[in-house]
Amino acid sequence: MAEWATVASTLIAGVGLFFAGAQLLVMNRSAAMDRRIALEGVVVSWRPIEAPRIAEADGNGVWLYEVRVHNPGRMPVDDVQVDWHFQCDVRRRRSGELDPPTRHLRLTVPVLPGGCNRVWERRLVMKYHEAEAMLPKTFATVAFVDIDGRSQSNTWPRSARTA
């Protein structure tokens, strides 16, 4: 009888050890996915808050964009740079003054806490008909330094990564 008890307790301990190992594997996979989300999930997005319906007399249109960078991880990232790329010339308008034409705008924030956003609003002047055709090709890259001090970058939309 004691022999059966020994076999049964050994079998139960073995099954328990198997399930503990399986649970550890699940936890490690979950931690790896959390880490991947924290790095690859830092995203920049933009949307027009105001958009012209027709061109102005000079052929231009004025758009007001909201640009947002989001850190989905639990840890902060720093030295965040958003490089916003256009396929047509844009001019930033500040206080009624126009900047020189460019196809690239850079937005920065020193530190972005985990789970937080940084939002900018930018008023942009573009040739209306050119912008209509080229705005869908706009893309942005967000570069940052992770909590381990390594430089990372993500390009959005993802289709622009392979273009």
N, C-alpha and C. Protein backbone atom coordinates (compact mmCIF):
# COMPACT_ATOMS: atom_id res chain seq x y z
N MET A 1 0.82 -1.19 0.00
CA MET A 1 0.00 0.00 0.00
C MET A 1 0.87 1.26 0.00
N ALA A 2 1.92 1.27 0.79
CA ALA A 2 2.81 2.43 0.85
C ALA A 2 3.47 2.67 -0.50
N GLU A 3 3.67 1.57 -1.26
CA GLU A 3 4.28 1.69 -2.58
C GLU A 3 3.36 2.47 -3.52
N TRP A 4 2.05 2.22 -3.46
CA TRP A 4 1.09 2.95 -4.29
C TRP A 4 1.06 4.42 -3.92
N ALA A 5 1.15 4.71 -2.66
CA ALA A 5 1.13 6.11 -2.21
C ALA A 5 2.36 6.85 -2.74
N THR A 6 3.50 6.18 -2.75
CA THR A 6 4.72 6.78 -3.28
C THR A 6 4.59 7.04 -4.78
N VAL A 7 4.07 6.07 -5.50
CA VAL A 7 3.88 6.22 -6.95
C VAL A 7 2.88 7.34 -7.24
N ALA A 8 1.78 7.36 -6.50
CA ALA A 8 0.75 8.38 -6.72
C ALA A 8 1.28 9.77 -6.41
N SER A 9 2.00 9.92 -5.29
CA SER A 9 2.53 11.24 -4.95
C SER A 9 3.60 11.69 -5.95
N THR A 10 4.40 10.76 -6.44
CA THR A 10 5.40 11.09 -7.46
C THR A 10 4.72 11.52 -8.75
N LEU A 11 3.67 10.81 -9.13
CA LEU A 11 2.92 11.16 -10.34
C LEU A 11 2.26 12.53 -10.20
N ILE A 12 1.66 12.78 -9.07
CA ILE A 12 1.01 14.08 -8.83
C ILE A 12 2.06 15.20 -8.85
N ALA A 13 3.21 14.97 -8.22
CA ALA A 13 4.28 15.97 -8.23
C ALA A 13 4.77 16.22 -9.66
N GLY A 14 4.89 15.16 -10.44
CA GLY A 14 5.32 15.31 -11.84
C GLY A 14 4.34 16.11 -12.66
N VAL A 15 3.04 15.84 -12.49
CA VAL A 15 2.01 16.60 -13.20
C VAL A 15 2.05 18.06 -12.77
N GLY A 16 2.20 18.29 -11.47
CA GLY A 16 2.30 19.67 -10.97
C GLY A 16 3.50 20.40 -11.55
N LEU A 17 4.62 19.69 -11.63
CA LEU A 17 5.83 20.28 -12.22
C LEU A 17 5.63 20.60 -13.69
N PHE A 18 4.95 19.72 -14.41
CA PHE A 18 4.64 19.96 -15.82
C PHE A 18 3.80 21.23 -15.97
N PHE A 19 2.74 21.36 -15.17
CA PHE A 19 1.88 22.54 -15.28
C PHE A 19 2.60 23.81 -14.83
N ALA A 20 3.48 23.71 -13.84
CA ALA A 20 4.27 24.88 -13.43
C ALA A 20 5.19 25.32 -14.57
N GLY A 21 5.81 24.35 -15.24
CA GLY A 21 6.67 24.67 -16.39
C GLY A 21 5.88 25.29 -17.53
N ALA A 22 4.69 24.74 -17.78
CA ALA A 22 3.84 25.30 -18.84
C ALA A 22 3.44 26.73 -18.50
N GLN A 23 3.11 26.98 -17.23
CA GLN A 23 2.73 28.33 -16.82
C GLN A 23 3.91 29.29 -16.96
N LEU A 24 5.10 28.84 -16.62
CA LEU A 24 6.30 29.66 -16.78
C LEU A 24 6.53 30.01 -18.25
N LEU A 25 6.32 29.05 -19.13
CA LEU A 25 6.45 29.29 -20.56
C LEU A 25 5.44 30.34 -21.03
N VAL A 26 4.20 30.24 -20.57
CA VAL A 26 3.17 31.23 -20.92
C VAL A 26 3.56 32.61 -20.41
N MET A 27 4.07 32.69 -19.19
CA MET A 27 4.47 33.98 -18.63
C MET A 27 5.63 34.58 -19.41
N ASN A 28 6.60 33.75 -19.81
CA ASN A 28 7.73 34.26 -20.59
C ASN A 28 7.28 34.77 -21.95
N ARG A 29 6.37 34.05 -22.59
CA ARG A 29 5.84 34.52 -23.88
C ARG A 29 5.08 35.83 -23.71
N SER A 30 4.32 35.94 -22.64
CA SER A 30 3.58 37.17 -22.38
C SER A 30 4.53 38.34 -22.15
N ALA A 31 5.59 38.11 -21.39
CA ALA A 31 6.58 39.17 -21.14
C ALA A 31 7.27 39.57 -22.44
N ALA A 32 7.58 38.60 -23.30
CA ALA A 32 8.20 38.91 -24.59
C ALA A 32 7.25 39.73 -25.46
N MET A 33 5.96 39.40 -25.44
CA MET A 33 4.98 40.17 -26.21
C MET A 33 4.84 41.58 -25.65
N ASP A 34 4.83 41.73 -24.33
CA ASP A 34 4.78 43.06 -23.72
C ASP A 34 5.98 43.89 -24.14
N ARG A 35 7.14 43.29 -24.17
CA ARG A 35 8.36 44.00 -24.58
C ARG A 35 8.26 44.41 -26.05
N ARG A 36 7.77 43.50 -26.89
CA ARG A 36 7.60 43.82 -28.31
C ARG A 36 6.63 44.97 -28.50
N ILE A 37 5.51 44.95 -27.79
CA ILE A 37 4.53 46.03 -27.88
C ILE A 37 5.15 47.34 -27.43
N ALA A 38 5.94 47.29 -26.35
CA ALA A 38 6.56 48.51 -25.83
C ALA A 38 7.51 49.14 -26.84
N LEU A 39 8.16 48.34 -27.68
CA LEU A 39 9.11 48.88 -28.65
C LEU A 39 8.47 49.13 -30.01
N GLU A 40 7.77 48.14 -30.53
CA GLU A 40 7.20 48.27 -31.87
C GLU A 40 5.88 49.01 -31.88
N GLY A 41 5.30 49.20 -30.71
CA GLY A 41 3.99 49.86 -30.63
C GLY A 41 4.06 51.36 -30.45
N VAL A 42 5.26 51.93 -30.27
CA VAL A 42 5.36 53.39 -30.20
C VAL A 42 4.95 53.91 -31.57
N VAL A 43 3.87 54.65 -31.60
CA VAL A 43 3.23 54.99 -32.87
C VAL A 43 3.06 56.50 -33.00
N VAL A 44 3.15 56.96 -34.23
CA VAL A 44 2.81 58.34 -34.54
C VAL A 44 1.63 58.29 -35.50
N SER A 45 0.65 59.14 -35.23
CA SER A 45 -0.52 59.21 -36.12
C SER A 45 -0.86 60.68 -36.33
N TRP A 46 -1.59 60.95 -37.38
CA TRP A 46 -1.97 62.32 -37.70
C TRP A 46 -3.34 62.30 -38.34
N ARG A 47 -4.04 63.41 -38.15
CA ARG A 47 -5.36 63.54 -38.77
C ARG A 47 -5.64 65.02 -38.98
N PRO A 48 -6.32 65.34 -40.07
CA PRO A 48 -6.69 66.74 -40.29
C PRO A 48 -7.87 67.11 -39.40
N ILE A 49 -7.70 68.17 -38.65
CA ILE A 49 -8.81 68.70 -37.84
C ILE A 49 -9.63 69.65 -38.71
N GLU A 50 -8.92 70.40 -39.55
CA GLU A 50 -9.56 71.29 -40.52
C GLU A 50 -8.92 71.02 -41.88
N ALA A 51 -9.76 70.93 -42.90
CA ALA A 51 -9.26 70.72 -44.26
C ALA A 51 -10.06 71.60 -45.21
N PRO A 52 -9.39 72.18 -46.20
CA PRO A 52 -10.10 73.05 -47.14
C PRO A 52 -11.00 72.24 -48.07
N ARG A 53 -12.08 72.86 -48.49
CA ARG A 53 -12.98 72.21 -49.46
C ARG A 53 -12.61 72.60 -50.89
N ILE A 54 -12.08 73.80 -51.03
CA ILE A 54 -11.65 74.28 -52.35
C ILE A 54 -10.36 75.05 -52.19
N ALA A 55 -9.66 75.25 -53.29
CA ALA A 55 -8.41 76.01 -53.26
C ALA A 55 -8.71 77.49 -53.05
N GLU A 56 -7.76 78.16 -52.40
CA GLU A 56 -7.86 79.60 -52.26
C GLU A 56 -7.47 80.24 -53.60
N ALA A 57 -7.58 81.54 -53.70
CA ALA A 57 -7.30 82.25 -54.95
C ALA A 57 -5.88 81.99 -55.46
N ASP A 58 -4.92 81.81 -54.54
CA ASP A 58 -3.53 81.57 -54.95
C ASP A 58 -3.24 80.09 -55.24
N GLY A 59 -4.26 79.24 -55.17
CA GLY A 59 -4.09 77.81 -55.46
C GLY A 59 -3.71 76.98 -54.25
N ASN A 60 -3.54 77.63 -53.11
CA ASN A 60 -3.16 76.93 -51.88
C ASN A 60 -4.38 76.50 -51.09
N GLY A 61 -4.13 75.62 -50.17
CA GLY A 61 -5.12 75.22 -49.17
C GLY A 61 -4.44 75.20 -47.82
N VAL A 62 -5.21 75.40 -46.76
CA VAL A 62 -4.66 75.41 -45.41
C VAL A 62 -5.30 74.26 -44.63
N TRP A 63 -4.45 73.40 -44.09
CA TRP A 63 -4.89 72.26 -43.28
C TRP A 63 -4.41 72.47 -41.85
N LEU A 64 -5.23 72.10 -40.89
CA LEU A 64 -4.80 72.05 -39.50
C LEU A 64 -4.74 70.58 -39.12
N TYR A 65 -3.54 70.12 -38.77
CA TYR A 65 -3.33 68.71 -38.43
C TYR A 65 -3.09 68.54 -36.94
N GLU A 66 -3.61 67.44 -36.42
CA GLU A 66 -3.26 66.98 -35.08
C GLU A 66 -2.30 65.81 -35.26
N VAL A 67 -1.13 65.92 -34.67
CA VAL A 67 -0.12 64.86 -34.73
C VAL A 67 0.03 64.31 -33.31
N ARG A 68 -0.02 62.99 -33.20
CA ARG A 68 0.01 62.36 -31.88
C ARG A 68 1.05 61.25 -31.88
N VAL A 69 1.89 61.23 -30.84
CA VAL A 69 2.80 60.10 -30.63
C VAL A 69 2.37 59.43 -29.33
N HIS A 70 2.32 58.09 -29.37
CA HIS A 70 1.82 57.32 -28.22
C HIS A 70 2.82 56.25 -27.83
N ASN A 71 3.09 56.16 -26.54
CA ASN A 71 3.96 55.13 -25.98
C ASN A 71 3.08 54.11 -25.24
N PRO A 72 2.86 52.92 -25.83
CA PRO A 72 1.97 51.95 -25.19
C PRO A 72 2.62 51.16 -24.06
N GLY A 73 3.93 51.28 -23.91
CA GLY A 73 4.63 50.50 -22.89
C GLY A 73 4.41 51.07 -21.50
N ARG A 74 4.93 50.36 -20.51
CA ARG A 74 4.81 50.82 -19.13
C ARG A 74 5.96 51.73 -18.73
N MET A 75 7.06 51.66 -19.47
CA MET A 75 8.25 52.44 -19.13
C MET A 75 8.36 53.66 -20.05
N PRO A 76 8.99 54.73 -19.57
CA PRO A 76 9.14 55.91 -20.42
C PRO A 76 10.17 55.68 -21.53
N VAL A 77 10.05 56.46 -22.59
CA VAL A 77 11.06 56.52 -23.64
C VAL A 77 11.52 57.97 -23.71
N ASP A 78 12.74 58.18 -24.16
CA ASP A 78 13.21 59.57 -24.23
C ASP A 78 13.82 59.88 -25.58
N ASP A 79 14.18 61.16 -25.74
CA ASP A 79 14.72 61.68 -27.00
C ASP A 79 13.81 61.30 -28.17
N VAL A 80 12.52 61.55 -28.02
CA VAL A 80 11.53 61.17 -29.03
C VAL A 80 11.55 62.20 -30.16
N GLN A 81 11.73 61.71 -31.40
CA GLN A 81 11.70 62.56 -32.59
C GLN A 81 10.71 61.99 -33.58
N VAL A 82 9.79 62.82 -33.99
CA VAL A 82 8.84 62.44 -35.03
C VAL A 82 9.27 63.15 -36.30
N ASP A 83 9.61 62.39 -37.33
CA ASP A 83 9.95 62.94 -38.64
C ASP A 83 8.78 62.66 -39.57
N TRP A 84 8.10 63.73 -39.96
CA TRP A 84 6.87 63.65 -40.75
C TRP A 84 7.24 63.99 -42.18
N HIS A 85 7.04 63.07 -43.11
CA HIS A 85 7.48 63.21 -44.50
C HIS A 85 6.30 63.37 -45.44
N PHE A 86 6.39 64.37 -46.30
CA PHE A 86 5.35 64.66 -47.29
C PHE A 86 5.91 64.44 -48.69
N GLN A 87 5.04 64.15 -49.63
CA GLN A 87 5.44 63.96 -51.02
C GLN A 87 5.21 65.23 -51.84
N CYS A 88 4.85 66.30 -51.16
CA CYS A 88 4.69 67.61 -51.80
C CYS A 88 5.21 68.66 -50.83
N ASP A 89 5.46 69.86 -51.33
CA ASP A 89 5.95 70.93 -50.47
C ASP A 89 4.85 71.38 -49.51
N VAL A 90 5.25 71.58 -48.26
CA VAL A 90 4.35 72.12 -47.24
C VAL A 90 5.03 73.33 -46.62
N ARG A 91 4.22 74.24 -46.16
CA ARG A 91 4.74 75.42 -45.46
C ARG A 91 3.98 75.52 -44.15
N ARG A 92 4.72 75.62 -43.08
CA ARG A 92 4.10 75.76 -41.78
C ARG A 92 3.71 77.22 -41.59
N ARG A 93 2.50 77.45 -41.09
CA ARG A 93 2.06 78.81 -40.83
C ARG A 93 1.98 79.01 -39.32
N ARG A 94 2.77 79.97 -38.83
CA ARG A 94 2.75 80.31 -37.41
C ARG A 94 2.51 81.81 -37.27
N SER A 95 1.52 82.14 -36.52
CA SER A 95 1.18 83.55 -36.26
C SER A 95 1.06 84.34 -37.56
N GLY A 96 0.50 83.72 -38.59
CA GLY A 96 0.29 84.40 -39.86
C GLY A 96 1.50 84.41 -40.78
N GLU A 97 2.66 84.02 -40.28
CA GLU A 97 3.89 83.98 -41.09
C GLU A 97 4.09 82.58 -41.66
N LEU A 98 4.57 82.52 -42.90
CA LEU A 98 4.82 81.23 -43.55
C LEU A 98 6.30 80.87 -43.49
N ASP A 99 6.59 79.65 -43.09
CA ASP A 99 7.96 79.12 -43.14
C ASP A 99 8.29 78.78 -44.59
N PRO A 100 9.57 78.59 -44.91
CA PRO A 100 9.95 78.17 -46.27
C PRO A 100 9.36 76.79 -46.59
N PRO A 101 9.17 76.50 -47.88
CA PRO A 101 8.64 75.18 -48.26
C PRO A 101 9.59 74.05 -47.84
N THR A 102 9.01 72.95 -47.43
CA THR A 102 9.77 71.77 -47.04
C THR A 102 8.94 70.52 -47.29
N ARG A 103 9.58 69.40 -47.29
CA ARG A 103 8.86 68.12 -47.39
C ARG A 103 9.04 67.29 -46.13
N HIS A 104 9.57 67.93 -45.09
CA HIS A 104 9.88 67.21 -43.86
C HIS A 104 9.67 68.14 -42.67
N LEU A 105 8.94 67.68 -41.68
CA LEU A 105 8.79 68.42 -40.43
C LEU A 105 9.25 67.51 -39.29
N ARG A 106 9.92 68.10 -38.31
CA ARG A 106 10.39 67.34 -37.15
C ARG A 106 9.73 67.89 -35.89
N LEU A 107 9.20 66.98 -35.10
CA LEU A 107 8.59 67.30 -33.82
C LEU A 107 9.35 66.51 -32.75
N THR A 108 9.61 67.13 -31.61
CA THR A 108 10.39 66.44 -30.58
C THR A 108 9.74 66.58 -29.21
N VAL A 109 10.04 65.61 -28.38
CA VAL A 109 9.65 65.67 -26.97
C VAL A 109 10.77 64.95 -26.20
N PRO A 110 11.26 65.55 -25.11
CA PRO A 110 12.39 64.95 -24.39
C PRO A 110 12.07 63.59 -23.77
N VAL A 111 10.89 63.48 -23.13
CA VAL A 111 10.51 62.24 -22.46
C VAL A 111 9.03 61.99 -22.69
N LEU A 112 8.69 60.75 -23.00
CA LEU A 112 7.29 60.35 -23.15
C LEU A 112 7.03 59.21 -22.16
N PRO A 113 6.28 59.51 -21.08
CA PRO A 113 6.03 58.47 -20.07
C PRO A 113 5.26 57.28 -20.64
N GLY A 114 5.38 56.15 -19.98
CA GLY A 114 4.66 54.96 -20.40
C GLY A 114 3.16 55.17 -20.38
N GLY A 115 2.49 54.68 -21.42
CA GLY A 115 1.04 54.80 -21.51
C GLY A 115 0.54 56.19 -21.84
N CYS A 116 1.42 57.08 -22.25
CA CYS A 116 1.02 58.48 -22.49
C CYS A 116 1.15 58.88 -23.96
N ASN A 117 0.53 60.02 -24.27
CA ASN A 117 0.55 60.62 -25.61
C ASN A 117 1.19 62.00 -25.53
N ARG A 118 1.69 62.44 -26.65
CA ARG A 118 2.06 63.86 -26.84
C ARG A 118 1.36 64.29 -28.11
N VAL A 119 0.65 65.40 -28.04
CA VAL A 119 -0.14 65.88 -29.18
C VAL A 119 0.35 67.26 -29.58
N TRP A 120 0.52 67.46 -30.88
CA TRP A 120 0.85 68.75 -31.46
C TRP A 120 -0.24 69.13 -32.45
N GLU A 121 -0.44 70.41 -32.65
CA GLU A 121 -1.27 70.90 -33.75
C GLU A 121 -0.39 71.73 -34.66
N ARG A 122 -0.48 71.47 -35.95
CA ARG A 122 0.31 72.20 -36.94
C ARG A 122 -0.58 72.64 -38.09
N ARG A 123 -0.48 73.93 -38.41
CA ARG A 123 -1.22 74.49 -39.55
C ARG A 123 -0.28 74.49 -40.74
N LEU A 124 -0.70 73.80 -41.81
CA LEU A 124 0.15 73.62 -42.98
C LEU A 124 -0.52 74.19 -44.22
N VAL A 125 0.28 74.86 -45.04
CA VAL A 125 -0.20 75.41 -46.31
C VAL A 125 0.43 74.59 -47.43
N MET A 126 -0.43 74.12 -48.36
CA MET A 126 0.04 73.31 -49.48
C MET A 126 -0.72 73.71 -50.73
N LYS A 127 -0.12 73.43 -51.88
CA LYS A 127 -0.84 73.60 -53.14
C LYS A 127 -2.02 72.62 -53.11
N TYR A 128 -3.22 73.14 -53.23
CA TYR A 128 -4.42 72.34 -53.00
C TYR A 128 -4.48 71.10 -53.87
N HIS A 129 -4.36 71.25 -55.18
CA HIS A 129 -4.53 70.11 -56.08
C HIS A 129 -3.37 69.11 -55.98
N GLU A 130 -2.18 69.61 -55.72
CA GLU A 130 -1.03 68.71 -55.53
C GLU A 130 -1.21 67.92 -54.22
N ALA A 131 -1.65 68.60 -53.18
CA ALA A 131 -1.84 67.95 -51.89
C ALA A 131 -2.91 66.87 -51.94
N GLU A 132 -3.97 67.13 -52.69
CA GLU A 132 -5.04 66.13 -52.82
C GLU A 132 -4.49 64.79 -53.29
N ALA A 133 -3.58 64.83 -54.24
CA ALA A 133 -3.02 63.60 -54.80
C ALA A 133 -1.91 63.02 -53.93
N MET A 134 -1.17 63.86 -53.24
CA MET A 134 0.03 63.40 -52.54
C MET A 134 -0.14 63.13 -51.05
N LEU A 135 -1.14 63.69 -50.41
CA LEU A 135 -1.29 63.49 -48.96
C LEU A 135 -1.45 62.02 -48.56
N PRO A 136 -2.11 61.18 -49.36
CA PRO A 136 -2.19 59.76 -48.96
C PRO A 136 -0.83 59.07 -48.88
N LYS A 137 0.20 59.65 -49.47
CA LYS A 137 1.54 59.05 -49.44
C LYS A 137 2.39 59.57 -48.28
N THR A 138 1.80 60.37 -47.42
CA THR A 138 2.51 60.91 -46.27
C THR A 138 2.86 59.77 -45.31
N PHE A 139 4.06 59.85 -44.70
CA PHE A 139 4.43 58.87 -43.69
C PHE A 139 5.27 59.55 -42.62
N ALA A 140 5.43 58.88 -41.50
CA ALA A 140 6.21 59.44 -40.40
C ALA A 140 7.02 58.34 -39.74
N THR A 141 8.17 58.74 -39.22
CA THR A 141 9.03 57.85 -38.45
C THR A 141 9.16 58.42 -37.05
N VAL A 142 8.98 57.58 -36.06
CA VAL A 142 9.20 57.99 -34.68
C VAL A 142 10.45 57.27 -34.19
N ALA A 143 11.42 58.05 -33.75
CA ALA A 143 12.67 57.50 -33.22
C ALA A 143 12.73 57.85 -31.73
N PHE A 144 13.27 56.94 -30.93
CA PHE A 144 13.32 57.16 -29.49
C PHE A 144 14.40 56.28 -28.89
N VAL A 145 14.71 56.54 -27.64
CA VAL A 145 15.65 55.73 -26.89
C VAL A 145 14.86 54.98 -25.82
N ASP A 146 14.98 53.65 -25.82
CA ASP A 146 14.20 52.85 -24.87
C ASP A 146 14.83 52.89 -23.48
N ILE A 147 14.20 52.23 -22.53
CA ILE A 147 14.64 52.27 -21.14
C ILE A 147 16.02 51.65 -20.95
N ASP A 148 16.43 50.79 -21.89
CA ASP A 148 17.76 50.17 -21.84
C ASP A 148 18.83 51.02 -22.52
N GLY A 149 18.44 52.20 -23.03
CA GLY A 149 19.40 53.10 -23.67
C GLY A 149 19.66 52.78 -25.13
N ARG A 150 18.84 51.93 -25.73
CA ARG A 150 19.02 51.57 -27.15
C ARG A 150 18.11 52.42 -28.03
N SER A 151 18.65 52.86 -29.16
CA SER A 151 17.86 53.63 -30.12
C SER A 151 16.92 52.70 -30.88
N GLN A 152 15.69 53.16 -31.05
CA GLN A 152 14.66 52.40 -31.75
C GLN A 152 13.97 53.35 -32.72
N SER A 153 13.34 52.80 -33.76
CA SER A 153 12.51 53.64 -34.64
C SER A 153 11.42 52.79 -35.28
N ASN A 154 10.30 53.42 -35.51
CA ASN A 154 9.14 52.80 -36.16
C ASN A 154 8.63 53.75 -37.23
N THR A 155 8.24 53.20 -38.37
CA THR A 155 7.69 54.00 -39.46
C THR A 155 6.22 53.66 -39.62
N TRP A 156 5.41 54.71 -39.79
CA TRP A 156 3.96 54.55 -39.94
C TRP A 156 3.48 55.33 -41.13
N PRO A 157 2.58 54.86 -41.94
CA PRO A 157 2.01 53.52 -41.87
C PRO A 157 3.05 52.46 -42.19
N ARG A 158 2.78 51.24 -41.78
CA ARG A 158 3.75 50.16 -41.97
C ARG A 158 4.07 49.93 -43.44
N SER A 159 3.13 50.21 -44.32
CA SER A 159 3.38 50.02 -45.76
C SER A 159 4.52 50.91 -46.25
N ALA A 160 4.77 52.03 -45.57
CA ALA A 160 5.87 52.92 -45.96
C ALA A 160 7.23 52.31 -45.62
N ARG A 161 7.28 51.32 -44.74
CA ARG A 161 8.54 50.68 -44.37
C ARG A 161 9.16 49.93 -45.53
N THR A 162 8.33 49.39 -46.38
CA THR A 162 8.84 48.59 -47.50
C THR A 162 8.92 49.38 -48.79
N ALA A 163 8.39 50.59 -48.79
CA ALA A 163 8.37 51.39 -50.02
C ALA A 163 9.73 52.00 -50.30
